[in-house]
Amino acid sequence: MKIIEVLKFNRELIKRLRMAGIRLEDEEFVDLYGDYTTLLEQGEKVSYIVAVLSDKYSVSERKVYGLIKHFQTDCTPSAV
């Protein structure tokens, strides 16, 4: 299957995701956010969690903070 075929088949879904504020690369970090919420529920401090996740997922701490903020943002109302 070619890329254009996948895009055509999933075009509507991709448009809706983009309108909701979701980026395709967000999928890559769903597990990171799951780990974040688990550690937060266990009572760990945010700065510690960010440092641990930064090492585990090989991204900068700034990226982890940005992802946390992005994933906690409400979807764009017009997309829902």
C-alpha atoms as a PDB file:
ATOM      1  CA  MET A   1       0.000   0.000   0.000  1.00  0.00           C
ATOM      2  CA  LYS A   2       1.263   3.444  -0.865  1.00  0.00           C
ATOM      3  CA  ILE A   3       1.285   6.464   1.460  1.00  0.00           C
ATOM      4  CA  ILE A   4      -1.203   8.339  -0.707  1.00  0.00           C
ATOM      5  CA  GLU A   5      -3.632   5.414  -0.458  1.00  0.00           C
ATOM      6  CA  VAL A   6      -3.452   5.428   3.346  1.00  0.00           C
ATOM      7  CA  LEU A   7      -3.932   9.200   3.394  1.00  0.00           C
ATOM      8  CA  LYS A   8      -6.954   9.039   1.108  1.00  0.00           C
ATOM      9  CA  PHE A   9      -8.511   6.227   3.150  1.00  0.00           C
ATOM     10  CA  ASN A  10      -7.982   8.041   6.480  1.00  0.00           C
ATOM     11  CA  ARG A  11      -8.367  11.617   5.279  1.00  0.00           C
ATOM     12  CA  GLU A  12     -11.503  12.426   7.280  1.00  0.00           C
ATOM     13  CA  LEU A  13     -10.078  10.972  10.498  1.00  0.00           C
ATOM     14  CA  ILE A  14      -6.820  12.891  10.062  1.00  0.00           C
ATOM     15  CA  LYS A  15      -8.753  16.137   9.460  1.00  0.00           C
ATOM     16  CA  ARG A  16     -10.827  15.607  12.616  1.00  0.00           C
ATOM     17  CA  LEU A  17      -7.748  14.839  14.708  1.00  0.00           C
ATOM     18  CA  ARG A  18      -5.999  17.958  13.449  1.00  0.00           C
ATOM     19  CA  MET A  19      -9.097  20.096  14.127  1.00  0.00           C
ATOM     20  CA  ALA A  20      -9.172  18.716  17.695  1.00  0.00           C
ATOM     21  CA  GLY A  21      -5.575  19.843  18.236  1.00  0.00           C
ATOM     22  CA  ILE A  22      -4.018  16.396  17.958  1.00  0.00           C
ATOM     23  CA  ARG A  23      -0.742  15.957  16.115  1.00  0.00           C
ATOM     24  CA  LEU A  24       0.162  12.637  14.486  1.00  0.00           C
ATOM     25  CA  GLU A  25       3.409  12.512  16.460  1.00  0.00           C
ATOM     26  CA  ASP A  26       1.418  12.667  19.731  1.00  0.00           C
ATOM     27  CA  GLU A  27       0.760   8.927  19.432  1.00  0.00           C
ATOM     28  CA  GLU A  28       4.437   8.288  20.058  1.00  0.00           C
ATOM     29  CA  PHE A  29       4.142   9.674  23.598  1.00  0.00           C
ATOM     30  CA  VAL A  30       0.863   8.172  24.865  1.00  0.00           C
ATOM     31  CA  ASP A  31       2.792   5.715  27.063  1.00  0.00           C
ATOM     32  CA  LEU A  32       4.911   8.571  28.445  1.00  0.00           C
ATOM     33  CA  TYR A  33       1.778  10.343  29.642  1.00  0.00           C
ATOM     34  CA  GLY A  34       0.439   7.106  31.116  1.00  0.00           C
ATOM     35  CA  ASP A  35       3.675   6.717  33.077  1.00  0.00           C
ATOM     36  CA  TYR A  36       3.384  10.344  34.184  1.00  0.00           C
ATOM     37  CA  THR A  37      -0.117   9.877  35.597  1.00  0.00           C
ATOM     38  CA  THR A  38       0.881   6.626  37.336  1.00  0.00           C
ATOM     39  CA  LEU A  39       3.891   8.217  39.045  1.00  0.00           C
ATOM     40  CA  LEU A  40       1.854  11.298  39.963  1.00  0.00           C
ATOM     41  CA  GLU A  41      -0.802   9.096  41.601  1.00  0.00           C
ATOM     42  CA  GLN A  42       1.975   7.372  43.559  1.00  0.00           C
ATOM     43  CA  GLY A  43       2.837  10.750  45.071  1.00  0.00           C
ATOM     44  CA  GLU A  44       6.044  11.508  43.173  1.00  0.00           C
ATOM     45  CA  LYS A  45       6.962  15.136  42.556  1.00  0.00           C
ATOM     46  CA  VAL A  46       6.515  16.494  39.048  1.00  0.00           C
ATOM     47  CA  SER A  47      10.163  17.523  38.668  1.00  0.00           C
ATOM     48  CA  TYR A  48      11.281  13.979  39.597  1.00  0.00           C
ATOM     49  CA  ILE A  49       8.760  12.424  37.215  1.00  0.00           C
ATOM     50  CA  VAL A  50       9.901  14.662  34.368  1.00  0.00           C
ATOM     51  CA  ALA A  51      13.554  13.738  34.953  1.00  0.00           C
ATOM     52  CA  VAL A  52      12.737  10.005  34.999  1.00  0.00           C
ATOM     53  CA  LEU A  53      10.569  10.170  31.876  1.00  0.00           C
ATOM     54  CA  SER A  54      13.136  12.282  30.070  1.00  0.00           C
ATOM     55  CA  ASP A  55      15.695   9.520  30.562  1.00  0.00           C
ATOM     56  CA  LYS A  56      13.280   6.677  29.834  1.00  0.00           C
ATOM     57  CA  TYR A  57      11.971   8.138  26.572  1.00  0.00           C
ATOM     58  CA  SER A  58      15.205   9.875  25.495  1.00  0.00           C
ATOM     59  CA  VAL A  59      13.665  13.329  25.174  1.00  0.00           C
ATOM     60  CA  SER A  60      14.511  16.596  26.878  1.00  0.00           C
ATOM     61  CA  GLU A  61      12.825  17.616  30.114  1.00  0.00           C
ATOM     62  CA  ARG A  62      11.389  20.627  28.272  1.00  0.00           C
ATOM     63  CA  LYS A  63       9.765  18.223  25.784  1.00  0.00           C
ATOM     64  CA  VAL A  64       8.230  16.201  28.649  1.00  0.00           C
ATOM     65  CA  TYR A  65       6.787  19.349  30.238  1.00  0.00           C
ATOM     66  CA  GLY A  66       5.425  20.397  26.832  1.00  0.00           C
ATOM     67  CA  LEU A  67       3.824  17.013  26.229  1.00  0.00           C
ATOM     68  CA  ILE A  68       2.196  17.001  29.657  1.00  0.00           C
ATOM     69  CA  LYS A  69       0.726  20.437  29.036  1.00  0.00           C
ATOM     70  CA  HIS A  70      -0.395  19.475  25.518  1.00  0.00           C
ATOM     71  CA  PHE A  71      -2.087  16.242  26.624  1.00  0.00           C
ATOM     72  CA  GLN A  72      -3.957  18.043  29.421  1.00  0.00           C
ATOM     73  CA  THR A  73      -5.366  20.633  27.008  1.00  0.00           C
ATOM     74  CA  ASP A  74      -9.027  20.360  26.071  1.00  0.00           C
ATOM     75  CA  CYS A  75      -9.823  19.514  22.473  1.00  0.00           C
ATOM     76  CA  THR A  76     -10.851  22.368  20.226  1.00  0.00           C
ATOM     77  CA  PRO A  77     -14.626  22.759  20.726  1.00  0.00           C
ATOM     78  CA  SER A  78     -15.438  22.997  17.000  1.00  0.00           C
ATOM     79  CA  ALA A  79     -13.884  19.582  16.379  1.00  0.00           C
ATOM     80  CA  VAL A  80     -15.941  17.648  18.915  1.00  0.00           C
END
